[in-house]
């Protein structure tokens, strides 16, 4: 296989991966704790998209603000840890992964 064909295939695979990653926002999963008193829905990008806290656990006038604050804090932590994980992985693979302009191998 010549190099041009190989690079063409790599670009094709990268485009398909990018498309798949963009579609992750449409995949959701909901879990609950406390017998259903707290329910959380996340998407495939590991972002909380909904949080429901039972009225019996919090004052009704504070519920919406509490839910919004928890969602914001968890999503911010998830973003921060993602950056740190990528940095650590990059350090551990330094020298092993090719540095080809325009190609992102998940780092």
Protein backbone atom coordinates (compact mmCIF):
# COMPACT_ATOMS: atom_id res chain seq x y z
CA UNK A 1 0.00 0.00 0.00
CA UNK A 2 1.50 3.33 -0.95
CA UNK A 3 1.77 6.21 1.52
CA UNK A 4 -0.81 8.42 -0.20
CA UNK A 5 -3.48 5.71 0.04
CA UNK A 6 -2.58 5.11 3.68
CA UNK A 7 -2.88 8.82 4.53
CA UNK A 8 -6.15 8.97 2.64
CA UNK A 9 -7.51 6.08 4.71
CA UNK A 10 -6.29 7.73 7.92
CA UNK A 11 -8.09 10.96 7.05
CA UNK A 12 -11.24 8.98 6.23
CA UNK A 13 -11.09 7.16 9.57
CA UNK A 14 -10.48 10.45 11.40
CA UNK A 15 -13.52 12.02 9.70
CA UNK A 16 -15.70 9.06 10.69
CA UNK A 17 -14.45 9.24 14.28
CA UNK A 18 -15.19 12.97 14.42
CA UNK A 19 -18.71 12.35 13.10
CA UNK A 20 -19.27 9.63 15.68
CA UNK A 21 -17.99 11.87 18.50
CA UNK A 22 -20.37 14.64 17.47
CA UNK A 23 -23.27 12.19 17.64
CA UNK A 24 -22.44 11.29 21.24
CA UNK A 25 -24.42 14.29 22.49
CA UNK A 26 -27.59 12.59 21.24
CA UNK A 27 -27.05 9.43 23.31
CA UNK A 28 -28.40 9.69 26.87
CA UNK A 29 -28.61 7.50 29.93
CA UNK A 30 -30.50 8.13 33.19
CA UNK A 31 -29.64 6.72 36.60
CA UNK A 32 -31.17 7.22 40.00
CA UNK A 33 -30.17 7.00 43.65
CA UNK A 34 -32.02 7.01 46.93
CA UNK A 35 -34.93 5.03 45.59
CA UNK A 36 -35.48 7.51 42.77
CA UNK A 37 -35.16 10.63 44.93
CA UNK A 38 -32.27 11.86 42.77
CA UNK A 39 -32.18 11.24 39.03
CA UNK A 40 -29.38 12.24 36.67
CA UNK A 41 -29.30 12.09 32.88
CA UNK A 42 -25.98 12.29 31.05
CA UNK A 43 -25.09 12.29 27.37
CA UNK A 44 -22.41 10.38 25.53
CA UNK A 45 -20.03 13.29 26.00
CA UNK A 46 -20.20 12.70 29.76
CA UNK A 47 -22.14 15.90 30.37
CA UNK A 48 -25.07 16.11 32.77
CA UNK A 49 -28.08 17.22 30.76
CA UNK A 50 -30.71 16.87 33.48
CA UNK A 51 -30.84 16.55 37.25
CA UNK A 52 -34.00 15.99 39.26
CA UNK A 53 -34.02 16.18 43.04
CA UNK A 54 -37.19 15.05 44.84
CA UNK A 55 -39.14 17.85 46.51
CA UNK A 56 -38.90 16.02 49.86
CA UNK A 57 -35.12 16.54 49.91
CA UNK A 58 -35.02 20.31 49.48
CA UNK A 59 -37.16 23.40 49.92
CA UNK A 60 -39.23 23.89 46.75
CA UNK A 61 -38.03 27.48 46.33
CA UNK A 62 -34.36 26.30 46.37
CA UNK A 63 -34.77 23.21 44.18
CA UNK A 64 -34.18 24.68 40.72
CA UNK A 65 -31.14 26.71 41.78
CA UNK A 66 -29.62 23.70 43.59
CA UNK A 67 -30.12 21.48 40.54
CA UNK A 68 -28.52 24.08 38.25
CA UNK A 69 -25.55 24.54 40.59
CA UNK A 70 -24.91 20.80 40.88
CA UNK A 71 -25.10 20.36 37.09
CA UNK A 72 -22.71 23.27 36.51
CA UNK A 73 -20.21 22.07 39.13
CA UNK A 74 -20.15 18.46 37.93
CA UNK A 75 -19.85 19.44 34.26
CA UNK A 76 -17.00 21.86 35.11
CA UNK A 77 -15.19 19.11 37.03
CA UNK A 78 -15.68 16.70 34.11
CA UNK A 79 -14.18 19.24 31.69
CA UNK A 80 -11.22 19.86 34.00
CA UNK A 81 -10.47 16.19 34.52
CA UNK A 82 -10.70 15.57 30.77
CA UNK A 83 -7.94 18.13 30.19
CA UNK A 84 -5.76 16.59 32.92
CA UNK A 85 -6.33 13.06 31.59
CA UNK A 86 -5.28 14.14 28.10
CA UNK A 87 -2.15 15.79 29.52
CA UNK A 88 -1.21 12.65 31.42
CA UNK A 89 -1.84 10.41 28.42
CA UNK A 90 0.20 12.73 26.23
CA UNK A 91 3.11 12.55 28.70
CA UNK A 92 2.95 8.77 28.85
CA UNK A 93 2.91 8.35 25.07
CA UNK A 94 5.51 11.02 24.27
CA UNK A 95 7.86 9.71 21.64
CA UNK A 96 5.61 6.78 20.72
CA UNK A 97 2.82 8.51 18.79
CA UNK A 98 3.66 10.12 15.44
CA UNK A 99 3.24 13.89 15.25
CA UNK A 100 1.54 14.24 11.89
CA UNK A 101 0.08 17.70 11.22
CA UNK A 102 -3.70 17.59 10.94
CA UNK A 103 -3.98 14.20 12.57
CA UNK A 104 -5.35 13.86 16.11
CA UNK A 105 -4.90 10.42 17.60
CA UNK A 106 -7.13 11.16 20.57
CA UNK A 107 -4.52 13.13 22.42
